[in-house]
Structure formats: structure tokens, C-alpha cells
Protein backbone atom coordinates (compact mmCIF):
# COMPACT_ATOMS: atom_id res chain seq x y z
CA MET A 1 158.86 113.49 42.76
CA GLY A 2 160.44 114.03 46.19
CA LYS A 3 157.45 116.06 47.38
CA ARG A 4 155.09 113.33 46.21
CA ILE A 5 157.05 110.66 48.14
CA ARG A 6 157.00 112.80 51.29
CA ALA A 7 153.23 113.25 50.93
CA LEU A 8 152.75 109.50 50.56
CA ASP A 9 154.96 108.89 53.60
CA THR A 10 152.80 111.24 55.62
CA VAL A 11 149.66 109.43 54.54
CA ASN A 12 151.23 106.08 55.45
CA VAL A 13 152.24 107.33 58.87
CA LEU A 14 148.72 108.62 59.57
CA PHE A 15 147.29 105.30 58.39
CA ILE A 16 149.58 103.38 60.71
CA ILE A 17 148.67 105.62 63.68
CA ALA A 18 144.96 105.18 62.97
CA ALA A 19 145.38 101.41 62.73
CA VAL A 20 147.21 101.31 66.06
CA LEU A 21 144.45 103.35 67.72
CA ILE A 22 141.77 101.03 66.34
CA VAL A 23 143.63 97.96 67.58
CA PHE A 24 144.08 99.57 71.03
CA ALA A 25 140.40 100.51 71.23
CA ALA A 26 139.38 97.00 70.25
CA ALA A 27 141.69 95.58 72.88
CA CYS A 28 140.09 97.81 75.50
CA LEU A 29 136.62 96.71 74.50
CA ASN A 30 137.57 93.03 74.45
CA ASP A 31 139.73 92.98 77.54
CA LYS A 32 137.70 93.16 80.76
CA GLY A 33 140.49 94.70 82.75
CA HIS A 34 141.06 97.53 80.31
CA ALA A 35 137.33 98.17 79.89
CA GLU A 36 136.83 98.50 83.64
CA ALA A 37 139.97 100.61 83.94
CA ILE A 38 138.42 103.27 81.71
CA GLY A 39 135.08 103.02 83.53
CA PHE A 40 133.08 100.83 81.13
CA PRO A 41 132.66 97.24 82.41
CA GLN A 42 132.42 94.85 79.50
CA SER A 43 130.07 92.56 81.39
CA PHE A 44 128.43 92.24 84.81
CA ALA A 45 128.09 88.46 84.49
CA GLU A 46 130.76 87.51 87.03
CA LEU A 47 129.48 90.09 89.52
CA ALA A 48 125.91 88.82 89.12
CA LYS A 49 127.05 85.21 89.72
CA LYS A 50 128.84 86.34 92.86
CA VAL A 51 125.99 88.24 94.52
CA THR A 52 122.80 86.54 93.33
CA PRO A 53 122.98 83.43 95.59
CA ALA A 54 122.66 85.60 98.73
CA VAL A 55 119.49 87.33 97.47
CA VAL A 56 116.31 85.56 98.57
CA ASN A 57 112.67 85.57 97.59
CA ILE A 58 110.32 86.46 100.46
CA SER A 59 106.63 85.55 100.30
CA THR A 60 104.27 86.52 103.09
CA THR A 61 100.74 85.56 104.03
CA THR A 62 98.39 87.87 105.93
CA THR A 63 94.82 87.21 107.00
CA VAL A 64 92.46 90.10 106.28
CA LYS A 65 88.77 90.49 107.04
CA VAL A 66 86.44 91.07 104.09
CA PRO A 67 83.04 92.54 105.03
CA GLY A 68 80.04 90.48 104.01
CA ASN A 69 78.24 93.77 103.38
CA PRO A 70 80.78 96.21 101.90
CA PHE A 71 78.51 99.19 102.60
CA ARG A 72 78.78 98.81 106.37
CA GLN A 73 81.93 100.88 106.39
CA PHE A 74 79.99 103.82 104.95
CA PHE A 75 76.47 103.43 106.40
CA GLY A 76 76.99 101.63 109.69
CA PRO A 77 76.33 98.04 110.85
CA HIS A 78 73.14 97.57 108.73
CA GLY A 79 74.57 98.86 105.45
CA GLY A 80 72.06 101.69 105.10
CA PRO A 81 69.88 101.64 101.96
CA PHE A 82 71.92 98.76 100.54
CA GLY A 83 71.49 96.50 103.54
CA ASP A 84 68.65 94.47 102.01
CA PHE A 85 70.83 93.40 99.09
CA PHE A 86 73.35 91.68 101.36
CA GLY A 87 71.21 90.79 104.37
CA ASP A 88 73.17 89.59 107.39
CA MET A 89 76.05 88.09 105.44
CA PRO A 90 78.90 87.61 107.96
CA ASP A 91 82.39 88.97 107.47
CA ARG A 92 84.85 86.43 106.15
CA GLU A 93 88.60 86.01 106.33
CA MET A 94 90.79 85.94 103.27
CA LYS A 95 94.47 85.14 102.77
CA GLN A 96 96.45 87.99 101.27
CA ARG A 97 99.86 87.18 99.81
CA SER A 98 102.71 89.46 98.81
CA LEU A 99 106.24 89.13 97.51
CA GLY A 100 109.53 90.85 98.24
CA SER A 101 113.26 90.31 98.39
CA GLY A 102 115.91 90.02 101.08
CA ILE A 103 119.65 89.80 101.65
CA ILE A 104 121.38 87.08 103.70
CA VAL A 105 124.01 88.93 105.74
CA ASP A 106 125.02 86.21 108.19
CA LYS A 107 125.60 82.44 107.93
CA ASP A 108 123.35 82.01 110.98
CA GLY A 109 120.45 82.97 108.73
CA TYR A 110 119.88 86.68 109.40
CA ILE A 111 118.22 88.44 106.47
CA ILE A 112 117.70 92.15 105.85
CA THR A 113 114.54 93.27 104.08
CA ASN A 114 112.06 96.15 104.11
CA ASN A 115 109.62 96.61 106.97
CA HIS A 116 106.70 96.93 104.55
CA VAL A 117 107.54 93.50 103.10
CA VAL A 118 106.91 91.67 106.39
CA SER A 119 104.71 94.07 108.37
CA GLY A 120 101.58 92.31 109.63
CA ALA A 121 102.54 88.96 108.08
CA GLN A 122 101.36 85.81 109.84
CA GLU A 123 103.64 83.59 107.78
CA ILE A 124 106.97 84.40 106.12
CA LYS A 125 108.53 81.99 103.66
CA VAL A 126 112.07 82.43 102.31
CA ARG A 127 113.30 80.74 99.15
CA LEU A 128 117.01 80.67 98.25
CA ALA A 129 118.43 80.78 94.73
CA ASP A 130 119.19 77.04 94.91
CA GLY A 131 115.54 76.23 95.65
CA ARG A 132 115.79 75.61 99.40
CA GLU A 133 112.84 76.98 101.37
CA TYR A 134 112.60 78.02 105.02
CA GLN A 135 110.09 79.53 107.40
CA ALA A 136 111.32 82.82 108.84
CA LYS A 137 110.58 84.78 111.99
CA VAL A 138 110.81 88.51 112.56
CA ILE A 139 113.69 89.57 114.82
CA GLY A 140 112.86 93.26 114.72
CA ARG A 141 111.28 95.98 112.59
CA ASP A 142 111.89 99.71 112.24
CA PRO A 143 109.05 101.48 110.39
CA LYS A 144 110.85 104.83 110.54
CA THR A 145 113.55 103.61 108.14
CA ASP A 146 111.46 100.83 106.56
CA LEU A 147 114.00 98.19 107.57
CA ALA A 148 113.40 94.76 109.09
CA LEU A 149 115.57 91.85 110.22
CA ILE A 150 114.24 88.31 109.85
CA LYS A 151 115.90 84.94 110.50
CA ILE A 152 115.76 81.44 109.07
CA SER A 153 117.05 78.32 110.78
CA SER A 154 119.25 76.00 108.74
CA ILE A 155 121.14 72.92 109.87
CA PHE A 156 123.64 73.76 107.16
CA LYS A 157 126.21 76.52 107.62
CA ASP A 158 126.79 76.99 103.91
CA LEU A 159 124.39 79.89 103.47
CA PRO A 160 125.70 82.46 100.96
CA THR A 161 126.08 85.97 102.38
CA LEU A 162 126.70 89.52 101.24
CA ALA A 163 128.65 92.15 103.17
CA LEU A 164 127.39 95.67 103.80
CA GLY A 165 129.72 98.16 102.10
CA ASP A 166 130.28 101.87 102.67
CA SER A 167 127.56 103.89 100.97
CA ASP A 168 129.18 107.15 102.11
CA ILE A 169 132.01 106.79 99.59
CA MET A 170 129.68 106.15 96.64
CA GLN A 171 129.57 108.99 94.14
CA VAL A 172 127.01 110.13 91.63
CA GLY A 173 127.79 108.22 88.44
CA ASP A 174 129.16 105.06 90.11
CA TRP A 175 127.99 101.75 88.62
CA VAL A 176 125.51 99.66 90.64
CA LEU A 177 123.44 96.50 90.20
CA ALA A 178 119.96 95.95 91.64
CA ILE A 179 118.94 92.35 92.35
CA GLY A 180 115.51 91.15 93.39
CA ASN A 181 112.25 89.50 92.42
CA PRO A 182 110.24 92.09 90.45
CA PHE A 183 106.67 90.95 89.84
CA GLY A 184 107.68 87.50 91.13
CA LEU A 185 110.39 87.04 88.48
CA GLU A 186 113.09 85.60 90.71
CA HIS A 187 116.67 86.85 90.79
CA THR A 188 116.38 89.55 88.19
CA VAL A 189 119.53 91.67 87.77
CA THR A 190 119.38 95.25 86.49
CA GLN A 191 122.21 97.72 85.98
CA GLY A 192 122.55 101.47 86.37
CA ILE A 193 124.36 104.23 88.22
CA ILE A 194 123.95 106.26 91.39
CA SER A 195 121.83 109.20 90.23
CA ALA A 196 121.85 111.20 93.47
CA SER A 197 122.32 110.83 97.23
CA GLY A 198 120.69 112.26 100.32
CA ARG A 199 117.25 112.29 98.71
CA VAL A 200 114.27 113.27 100.90
CA ILE A 201 111.08 111.76 99.46
CA GLY A 202 108.69 112.32 102.38
CA SER A 203 108.48 108.71 103.56
CA GLY A 204 109.49 109.48 107.15
CA PRO A 205 111.53 111.64 109.52
CA TYR A 206 114.83 109.98 108.60
CA ASP A 207 114.77 110.15 104.80
CA ASN A 208 118.25 109.86 103.31
CA PHE A 209 117.96 107.79 100.15
CA LEU A 210 120.31 106.86 97.35
CA GLN A 211 118.67 107.45 93.98
CA THR A 212 119.45 105.11 91.10
CA ASP A 213 118.36 104.58 87.51
CA ALA A 214 118.83 100.81 87.82
CA PRO A 215 115.27 99.56 87.17
CA ILE A 216 113.47 98.73 90.44
CA ASN A 217 109.94 97.32 90.37
CA PRO A 218 107.39 95.88 92.82
CA GLY A 219 108.97 92.76 94.32
CA ASN A 220 112.43 94.32 94.36
CA SER A 221 111.73 95.77 97.82
CA GLY A 222 114.31 94.54 100.31
CA GLY A 223 116.79 93.46 97.65
CA PRO A 224 120.36 94.76 97.41
CA LEU A 225 121.92 97.59 95.46
CA VAL A 226 125.55 96.50 95.07
CA ASN A 227 128.75 98.18 93.91
CA LEU A 228 131.30 96.65 91.53
CA LYS A 229 132.99 94.90 94.46
CA GLY A 230 129.80 92.99 95.22
CA GLU A 231 129.17 94.91 98.45
CA VAL A 232 125.67 96.01 99.45
CA ILE A 233 125.60 99.80 99.46
CA GLY A 234 121.81 100.11 99.52
CA ILE A 235 118.55 98.26 100.22
CA ASN A 236 116.03 98.86 97.43
CA THR A 237 112.83 100.25 98.86
CA ALA A 238 110.85 102.74 96.76
CA ILE A 239 110.07 103.89 93.25
CA VAL A 240 108.40 106.85 91.59
CA ALA A 241 105.46 105.20 89.89
CA ALA A 242 104.99 107.98 87.35
CA GLY A 243 108.67 108.10 86.38
CA GLN A 244 111.19 105.88 84.67
CA GLY A 245 114.64 105.20 86.02
CA ILE A 246 113.87 106.75 89.40
CA GLY A 247 114.35 104.28 92.24
CA PHE A 248 115.45 104.73 95.83
CA ALA A 249 117.55 102.63 98.20
CA ILE A 250 118.27 102.93 101.92
CA PRO A 251 122.04 103.57 102.27
CA SER A 252 124.08 100.81 103.88
CA SER A 253 125.45 103.39 106.32
CA THR A 254 121.92 103.70 107.69
CA ALA A 255 121.20 99.98 107.58
CA LYS A 256 124.31 99.01 109.57
CA GLY A 257 123.28 100.83 112.73
CA VAL A 258 119.60 99.92 112.47
CA VAL A 259 120.25 96.23 111.82
CA ALA A 260 122.77 96.00 114.67
CA GLN A 261 120.15 97.33 117.12
CA LEU A 262 117.40 95.11 115.72
CA ARG A 263 119.61 92.07 116.17
CA GLU A 264 120.60 93.02 119.72
CA LYS A 265 117.37 94.56 121.07
CA GLY A 266 114.64 93.79 118.55
CA LYS A 267 114.00 97.52 118.21
CA VAL A 268 115.85 100.78 117.50
CA VAL A 269 116.62 103.24 120.30
CA ARG A 270 117.10 106.83 119.12
CA GLY A 271 118.20 110.04 120.73
CA TRP A 272 115.82 112.96 121.28
CA LEU A 273 116.53 116.68 121.55
CA GLY A 274 113.01 118.13 121.72
CA VAL A 275 112.88 120.85 119.07
CA SER A 276 110.86 121.57 115.97
CA ILE A 277 113.07 122.84 113.18
CA GLN A 278 112.82 124.39 109.75
CA MET A 279 115.13 124.97 106.83
CA VAL A 280 117.41 128.00 106.54
CA THR A 281 116.62 129.49 103.13
CA PRO A 282 118.77 132.13 101.36
CA ASP A 283 116.05 134.67 102.16
CA LEU A 284 116.03 133.82 105.88
CA ALA A 285 119.80 133.51 106.37
CA PRO A 286 120.63 137.26 106.75
CA SER A 287 117.85 137.72 109.32
CA PHE A 288 119.49 135.08 111.53
CA GLY A 289 123.01 136.47 111.25
CA LEU A 290 124.20 133.99 108.61
CA LYS A 291 126.16 134.78 105.46
CA GLU A 292 124.91 131.63 103.76
CA ALA A 293 122.01 129.21 104.06
CA ARG A 294 123.14 126.52 106.49
CA GLY A 295 122.07 124.94 109.77
CA ALA A 296 118.58 124.37 111.19
CA ILE A 297 116.31 127.06 112.63
CA VAL A 298 114.70 126.17 115.96
CA ALA A 299 111.00 126.90 115.34
CA ASP A 300 109.85 125.60 118.73
CA VAL A 301 111.27 124.10 121.93
CA ILE A 302 109.34 121.41 123.79
CA LYS A 303 108.77 122.03 127.48
CA GLY A 304 110.84 119.80 129.72
CA SER A 305 112.95 118.60 126.79
CA PRO A 306 116.76 118.32 126.78
CA ALA A 307 116.83 121.37 124.50
CA GLU A 308 114.91 123.51 127.00
CA LYS A 309 117.08 122.33 129.90
CA ALA A 310 120.19 123.22 127.90
CA GLY A 311 118.93 126.74 127.24
CA ILE A 312 118.25 126.37 123.52
CA LYS A 313 115.68 128.96 122.45
CA GLN A 314 113.22 129.58 119.67
CA GLY A 315 115.00 131.40 116.85
CA ASP A 316 118.40 129.81 117.49
CA VAL A 317 120.14 128.30 114.46
CA ILE A 318 121.90 125.00 115.18
CA LEU A 319 125.14 124.76 113.17
CA ALA A 320 126.73 121.65 114.69
CA PHE A 321 125.74 118.83 117.04
CA ASP A 322 128.29 116.65 118.81
CA GLY A 323 131.02 117.89 116.47
CA LYS A 324 129.03 117.05 113.33
CA ALA A 325 128.14 119.89 110.98
CA VAL A 326 124.45 120.56 110.39
CA LYS A 327 124.48 121.61 106.75
CA SER A 328 120.69 121.67 106.46
CA SER A 329 117.64 120.94 108.57
CA ASN A 330 117.52 117.41 107.12
CA ASP A 331 120.83 116.57 108.83
CA LEU A 332 119.85 117.30 112.44
CA PRO A 333 117.21 114.56 113.02
CA TRP A 334 119.67 111.91 111.81
CA ILE A 335 122.56 113.19 113.89
CA VAL A 336 120.47 113.42 117.06
CA ALA A 337 118.84 110.02 116.48
CA GLU A 338 122.23 108.30 116.16
CA THR A 339 123.62 109.93 119.31
CA PRO A 340 123.83 107.46 122.24
CA VAL A 341 121.12 108.02 124.86
CA GLY A 342 122.56 109.67 127.98
CA LYS A 343 125.51 111.24 126.18
CA THR A 344 126.22 114.92 126.88
CA VAL A 345 127.24 116.72 123.72
CA ASN A 346 128.20 120.19 122.56
CA VAL A 347 125.75 122.12 120.40
CA LYS A 348 127.07 125.03 118.34
CA LEU A 349 124.46 127.63 117.47
CA ILE A 350 123.88 131.20 116.34
CA ARG A 351 121.70 133.48 118.49
CA GLN A 352 121.06 137.04 117.40
CA GLY A 353 124.16 136.97 115.24
CA LYS A 354 126.48 135.61 117.93
CA GLU A 355 127.95 132.12 118.01
CA LEU A 356 127.34 130.15 121.22
CA ASP A 357 128.11 126.68 122.58
CA VAL A 358 125.73 124.84 124.90
CA LYS A 359 125.83 121.39 126.50
CA VAL A 360 122.85 119.07 126.12
CA THR A 361 122.23 115.56 127.43
CA VAL A 362 120.38 113.39 124.91
CA VAL A 363 117.45 111.25 126.12
CA GLU A 364 115.60 108.39 124.42
CA MET A 365 113.05 109.14 121.73
CA THR A 366 109.65 107.66 122.63
CA GLU A 367 106.30 107.76 120.85
CA GLN A 368 104.98 110.09 123.54
CA ARG A 369 107.90 112.49 123.11
CA LEU A 370 107.52 112.48 119.35
CA ALA A 371 103.83 113.17 119.78
CA SER A 372 104.48 116.04 122.19
CA GLN A 373 106.86 117.52 119.63
CA ALA A 374 103.90 117.66 117.25
CA GLY A 375 101.60 119.05 119.91
CA LYS A 376 99.23 116.06 119.91
CA THR A 377 99.20 112.85 121.92
CA LYS A 378 98.74 109.51 120.21
CA ASN A 379 95.11 108.35 119.90
CA VAL A 380 93.46 104.94 120.21
CA PHE A 381 93.98 104.29 116.49
CA GLY A 382 97.75 104.42 116.88
CA PHE A 383 98.61 107.48 114.82
CA THR A 384 99.78 111.00 115.63
CA VAL A 385 98.63 114.11 113.79
CA ASP A 386 99.54 117.77 113.67
CA ASN A 387 98.54 120.93 111.85
CA ILE A 388 100.02 121.27 108.37
CA LYS A 389 103.06 123.27 109.40
CA PRO A 390 105.83 124.33 106.96
CA GLU A 391 108.12 121.59 108.29
CA TRP A 392 105.55 118.85 107.57
CA ARG A 393 104.57 120.43 104.26
CA ARG A 394 108.22 120.31 103.21
CA GLN A 395 108.97 116.85 104.62
CA PHE A 396 105.92 115.11 103.14
CA ASP A 397 105.50 117.30 100.03
CA ILE A 398 101.97 118.32 101.04
CA ALA A 399 99.91 120.58 98.79
CA ALA A 400 96.69 120.53 100.88
CA LYS A 401 95.88 123.77 102.68
CA ALA A 402 93.39 122.36 105.21
CA GLY A 403 93.25 119.26 107.38
CA VAL A 404 95.73 117.58 109.70
CA VAL A 405 98.78 115.57 108.67
CA VAL A 406 99.63 112.12 110.01
CA ILE A 407 103.23 112.37 111.23
CA GLN A 408 103.58 109.02 113.02
CA VAL A 409 101.93 105.59 112.73
CA GLU A 410 102.38 102.95 115.42
CA ALA A 411 103.62 99.65 114.02
CA ASP A 412 100.87 97.00 113.97
CA GLY A 413 98.31 99.46 115.34
CA LEU A 414 94.80 99.96 113.98
CA ALA A 415 95.89 102.74 111.64
CA ASP A 416 98.86 100.72 110.38
CA ASP A 417 96.60 97.76 109.64
CA ALA A 418 94.20 100.07 107.77
CA GLY A 419 97.01 101.33 105.54
CA ILE A 420 97.34 104.86 106.93
CA GLU A 421 100.86 106.24 106.39
CA PRO A 422 102.91 109.23 107.60
CA GLY A 423 102.24 112.16 105.29
CA ASP A 424 98.56 111.33 104.78
CA VAL A 425 96.28 114.34 105.25
CA ILE A 426 93.01 113.74 107.13
CA ARG A 427 90.30 115.93 105.61
CA GLU A 428 87.18 114.42 107.19
CA VAL A 429 86.26 112.32 110.23
CA ASN A 430 82.81 110.71 109.97
CA LYS A 431 81.84 113.20 107.25
CA LYS A 432 82.88 116.18 109.43
CA ILE A 433 85.24 118.52 107.61
CA ILE A 434 88.62 118.89 109.33
CA LYS A 435 90.32 122.23 108.82
CA ASP A 436 92.88 122.03 111.62
CA LEU A 437 93.89 120.28 114.84
CA ASN A 438 91.00 121.81 116.81
CA ASP A 439 88.44 120.38 114.38
CA PHE A 440 90.16 117.00 114.60
CA LYS A 441 90.04 116.99 118.40
CA LYS A 442 86.32 117.87 118.40
CA ALA A 443 85.52 115.13 115.90
CA MET A 444 87.53 112.53 117.80
CA ALA A 445 85.82 113.48 121.07
CA GLN A 446 82.46 112.46 119.58
CA ILE A 447 83.57 108.95 118.61
CA LYS A 448 81.98 106.13 120.59
CA SER A 449 83.09 102.59 121.39
CA ASN A 450 82.26 99.84 118.87
CA GLU A 451 81.79 102.44 116.14
CA ASN A 452 83.19 102.36 112.60
CA VAL A 453 85.02 105.62 112.00
CA ILE A 454 85.32 106.83 108.40
CA PHE A 455 88.38 108.92 107.57
CA LEU A 456 88.72 110.82 104.30
CA LEU A 457 92.40 111.12 103.50
CA SER A 458 94.50 112.51 100.68
CA ARG A 459 97.84 111.15 99.55
CA ASN A 460 99.82 112.33 96.52
CA ASP A 461 96.85 114.45 95.38
CA GLN A 462 94.51 111.42 95.52
CA SER A 463 91.60 111.12 97.97
CA PHE A 464 90.34 107.89 99.54
CA TYR A 465 88.29 106.64 102.51
CA VAL A 466 89.50 104.38 105.32
CA SER A 467 87.24 102.69 107.85
CA ILE A 468 88.52 101.73 111.31
CA ALA A 469 86.47 100.03 114.02
CA VAL A 470 86.83 101.51 117.50
CA PRO A 471 87.71 98.77 120.04
């Protein structure tokens, strides 16, 4: 009898413990504070209410020319064999509209968005969450980071704003919200986590994206990625069309410096060293006197550049710049670009297995200097090309074996207006096959004024033609 009572007591005790655990779990799920304490927010409703008012809808209008005879771009001014079908129909202008998002960051009406949202726009209209509408003007654009700063004028000083947080302290797995206007559906809120950081997706020389699984769709561009404090830690900018839950945002740490310069100068001034670099792989590391893969190999030094004047040589491995470690070749362009022009800094490098320190004075990056780094000056179309070198193949994820790669496109130039982007591979010019830079130069030398030039390009394994009229 006594054993039976003890057994029943044990069962009762276990039952009581289980009941307490169930009650505690229910309390955690029903109490917001407890839920967030264990890492599972019960709801994002309050956070959404807090941040949504400062997210705006941006609509732009651009005038584009539509050819009266669409075959002119392929067969010349008369349209070739198809000319009789269209006769002398004149070109006409058409309004092209697009949508995006933006973030009010100042009560004076300054708004951050993506460069591609407002690039080439003749009219920019901003609509707030409360329905107010304003005309906006562009303060400055930076195609290299795809950021732009626009401004609205309001007689009221009650504009809602969002603060830029610290993206550097965000960790993989942290909760985030993405707010924007996907497909024109205003103020849509989606939830996810930080999936990765420091992503290089081949969109430009300063790739350094946050990756998130919070759904981002067309129209979200320029909208905020916020943390649980309601701070902007990223500006949504790109997606992988073939994937799900793969979106990219420009880190706030990048946006802060760019936006500050756009507001002050209307443009971004960057530092220039004058070297071409490549990644240190585990296979290459021992050959350069390294025990592990780190730093950036100097593949080439531009004549007359700060690097050459400082004595940096081909084959050196740069380990640190201005006291900042260069963990990989992706780090160096960012570090140099953010270094104040005119500043003399220390560069730590490895040469033939020995560690050296050299002093270099940083100068301003210009289009001409960037072009000289690629070995080709900018042409009349406003883009710069180079041979498909390993560094470009890696940066832009290029599979093509022949052609020349577009490494720079001048904002608002002819190429920019035609939709040519960095990373595009030019395979033909006026039906002439382009194998390398020499072929490109020969083809360009034969182009005449007032001629329509047909470029065959490839992008992401897809080929397409672009026609540009020579001024």
C-alpha cells in the first residue's frame, strides 16, 4: 500500500511540474516582453506602426523616344527591307512611369532612395503614408552604390523620420522588417532575418550587401530594412529573380557616408590608390609568403598613381591600409574609397615573404583614373570597357570567354540612357565580332558621326541588342 501511495505521489508531482511548464510557456507566448526576451517577437504590429509613416511612395516620369520604324536600329535610317511597311513615320515621345520607395531621414524633407529609382527622371512625385503629395528634386546621386538623395519642400515641420542605425552590429539571424511599395501596393511590411552580410553580387566596385529573406519585390527599391528598434540598417535595392527569399540591402554604414556627401556636395568624392588587385586563394597564399589566404594581391600598378609613387610593386600583397585590415580583395576598394583625399596613410604589405610598411598619399578618384586602371579611356557613349580579366570575371560573375566587359557607366550618359550596365559583356559592335580590347578599339574607330551603333551584349547568360545614336 505504501509503495502504491509513493508511486501516486510521484505521478502527481510530475503532473504538477508539467502543468507549471505549460502555464509558463503560455505566459511567454502571450506576454510580448517574455516572447521577445527569448527571441520570438509575438507581433511586429507596434514596430510597423512606428516606422511605416516615414516610408514614402516614389513615382517617376521619364520621356523616351519610340522609333516610328522599329527596324531603323538594325538596318539604318531607312529600315532596310522593312522600310516600305512603315514609310517615313516620325519618331514619337512616350511617357514612361516607374515606382519605388524612399525613407524620410530629415524633417527638412531629405529622402534616401536608390539611384535606379530616380535616374533619368524628368518628374519625381513623393506620396506620404497620410496621403500628402509633393514634387521632389534630386540633390545628388551615386551610381556606384545605387544611392540617391532627393528632397521635398513642406511648409509643415511635422514630417515623420527614421534614423540610420548601425548595420555593422547586425548579426546573421537577427530579425528585420522590410517596408516598401511592391508592385505599387503601398506600405507593405514583410518580416525576416539577416541571412548573410558582406555579399558581393557583381553590381559595382563597392558591393557590400546585407542579404535577407524578408520578401523584397519590384517597388521595394529604396525602402528601409529596419531592426527591432525601428532603426534603418539597410536600404532595399536588389533581388535574385530566380530565387525565393533572397534579397539584398545596402548597409546603413555605407549609406551614412554617401548620403552625407550627397547632401553637402551633390556627389561622392572617393580616394584612389591606382592598383589592380586580385584575390588571395589558398593555392596562391604559399607562393606569396602567406600562411593563410588573406590580403589583396597587386596584379598591376598604374603609372603615375599614388601606389607607384609610394613604391608599391606588382606581386605585393596588401595586408592593411591606414590601420584597417584587408581580409580579402573585396575590402581594399572600400577602405581606399573612404579614405579622405590628400591623407597620407601607412600601407602594410608582404613582398617576397617579407613584411614592409610604405607611406602613400591618397588622391581623388576620377572617371579618367578609373578608366586608366582598366587600360581604356572613356568613349563618347559614356562607358568604360576592359578585357575580361580574372578580377572582372570574379566581380561581375562573368562566364563569357570572349568580348570586353563594361566596368563603368557614366551617369546620364548615352550608355546609361540605353540601359547598359557595369558587368555587361560586349560581343559585337555593328555586327563585328569582338574578341578582346583590340577588336573593340578597331570597331569603335570605324564609327561615324550621326550613325546608329548596334551593340550585342550578354548579361546573366542572356544576349540582347542595344542601339545608340552617335552625336
